[in-house]
């Protein structure tokens, strides 16, 4: 049985909506979903808040190990 991912960050609603929109248009988007889950985890773990993304945030994400 596959575990259901629990979204954590303050931007998770937007990430989930984006995934749903892509799936409605028949994109498989499986690899992208893995990266968005990873980013959600990274965003939450690092204590980021608000919905604003900065270069520093995204640059730091590049070195995060894959989960």
C-alpha atoms as a PDB file:
ATOM      1  CA  UNK A   1       0.000   0.000   0.000  1.00  0.00           C
ATOM      2  CA  UNK A   2       1.307   3.406  -0.937  1.00  0.00           C
ATOM      3  CA  UNK A   3       1.508   5.996   1.843  1.00  0.00           C
ATOM      4  CA  UNK A   4      -0.314   9.259   1.304  1.00  0.00           C
ATOM      5  CA  UNK A   5       2.007  12.252   1.512  1.00  0.00           C
ATOM      6  CA  UNK A   6       1.092  14.770   4.195  1.00  0.00           C
ATOM      7  CA  UNK A   7       1.716  18.268   2.865  1.00  0.00           C
ATOM      8  CA  UNK A   8       3.261  20.581   5.484  1.00  0.00           C
ATOM      9  CA  UNK A   9       4.283  24.017   4.257  1.00  0.00           C
ATOM     10  CA  UNK A  10       2.332  27.219   3.964  1.00  0.00           C
ATOM     11  CA  UNK A  11       2.520  26.911   0.180  1.00  0.00           C
ATOM     12  CA  UNK A  12       1.191  23.350   0.107  1.00  0.00           C
ATOM     13  CA  UNK A  13      -2.314  24.381  -1.014  1.00  0.00           C
ATOM     14  CA  UNK A  14      -0.824  26.042  -4.090  1.00  0.00           C
ATOM     15  CA  UNK A  15       1.414  23.062  -4.825  1.00  0.00           C
ATOM     16  CA  UNK A  16      -1.522  20.644  -4.620  1.00  0.00           C
ATOM     17  CA  UNK A  17      -3.704  22.898  -6.795  1.00  0.00           C
ATOM     18  CA  UNK A  18      -0.933  23.071  -9.401  1.00  0.00           C
ATOM     19  CA  UNK A  19      -0.638  19.265  -9.450  1.00  0.00           C
ATOM     20  CA  UNK A  20      -4.419  18.881  -9.808  1.00  0.00           C
ATOM     21  CA  UNK A  21      -4.479  21.364 -12.679  1.00  0.00           C
ATOM     22  CA  UNK A  22      -1.729  19.499 -14.506  1.00  0.00           C
ATOM     23  CA  UNK A  23      -3.481  16.164 -14.020  1.00  0.00           C
ATOM     24  CA  UNK A  24      -6.769  17.594 -15.335  1.00  0.00           C
ATOM     25  CA  UNK A  25      -4.929  18.466 -18.540  1.00  0.00           C
ATOM     26  CA  UNK A  26      -3.725  14.837 -18.676  1.00  0.00           C
ATOM     27  CA  UNK A  27      -0.088  15.435 -17.758  1.00  0.00           C
ATOM     28  CA  UNK A  28       1.284  12.479 -15.773  1.00  0.00           C
ATOM     29  CA  UNK A  29       3.569  14.787 -13.764  1.00  0.00           C
ATOM     30  CA  UNK A  30       4.919  12.000 -11.496  1.00  0.00           C
ATOM     31  CA  UNK A  31       8.542  13.160 -11.356  1.00  0.00           C
ATOM     32  CA  UNK A  32       7.473  16.770 -10.890  1.00  0.00           C
ATOM     33  CA  UNK A  33       5.201  15.702  -8.033  1.00  0.00           C
ATOM     34  CA  UNK A  34       8.188  14.088  -6.275  1.00  0.00           C
ATOM     35  CA  UNK A  35      10.138  17.350  -6.557  1.00  0.00           C
ATOM     36  CA  UNK A  36       7.207  19.415  -5.296  1.00  0.00           C
ATOM     37  CA  UNK A  37       6.856  17.109  -2.280  1.00  0.00           C
ATOM     38  CA  UNK A  38      10.579  17.469  -1.661  1.00  0.00           C
ATOM     39  CA  UNK A  39      10.287  21.252  -1.881  1.00  0.00           C
ATOM     40  CA  UNK A  40       7.295  21.238   0.462  1.00  0.00           C
ATOM     41  CA  UNK A  41       9.325  19.289   3.003  1.00  0.00           C
ATOM     42  CA  UNK A  42      12.354  21.588   2.562  1.00  0.00           C
ATOM     43  CA  UNK A  43      10.206  24.723   2.879  1.00  0.00           C
ATOM     44  CA  UNK A  44       8.607  23.475   6.082  1.00  0.00           C
ATOM     45  CA  UNK A  45      11.827  22.109   7.661  1.00  0.00           C
ATOM     46  CA  UNK A  46      13.619  25.403   7.158  1.00  0.00           C
ATOM     47  CA  UNK A  47      10.867  27.419   8.827  1.00  0.00           C
ATOM     48  CA  UNK A  48       9.951  29.481   5.784  1.00  0.00           C
ATOM     49  CA  UNK A  49       6.628  31.229   6.007  1.00  0.00           C
ATOM     50  CA  UNK A  50       4.463  33.270   3.709  1.00  0.00           C
ATOM     51  CA  UNK A  51       4.073  32.451   0.032  1.00  0.00           C
ATOM     52  CA  UNK A  52       7.037  34.436  -1.232  1.00  0.00           C
ATOM     53  CA  UNK A  53       9.898  32.484  -2.813  1.00  0.00           C
ATOM     54  CA  UNK A  54      13.375  33.980  -2.908  1.00  0.00           C
ATOM     55  CA  UNK A  55      16.546  33.101  -4.782  1.00  0.00           C
ATOM     56  CA  UNK A  56      18.145  32.127  -1.473  1.00  0.00           C
ATOM     57  CA  UNK A  57      15.357  29.607  -0.817  1.00  0.00           C
ATOM     58  CA  UNK A  58      15.575  27.991  -4.213  1.00  0.00           C
ATOM     59  CA  UNK A  59      19.390  27.960  -4.228  1.00  0.00           C
ATOM     60  CA  UNK A  60      19.354  26.196  -0.847  1.00  0.00           C
ATOM     61  CA  UNK A  61      16.907  23.630  -2.155  1.00  0.00           C
ATOM     62  CA  UNK A  62      19.339  22.430  -4.805  1.00  0.00           C
ATOM     63  CA  UNK A  63      21.596  20.852  -2.200  1.00  0.00           C
ATOM     64  CA  UNK A  64      18.831  19.052  -0.330  1.00  0.00           C
ATOM     65  CA  UNK A  65      19.110  15.239  -0.417  1.00  0.00           C
ATOM     66  CA  UNK A  66      16.284  13.345  -2.104  1.00  0.00           C
ATOM     67  CA  UNK A  67      13.738  11.703   0.209  1.00  0.00           C
END
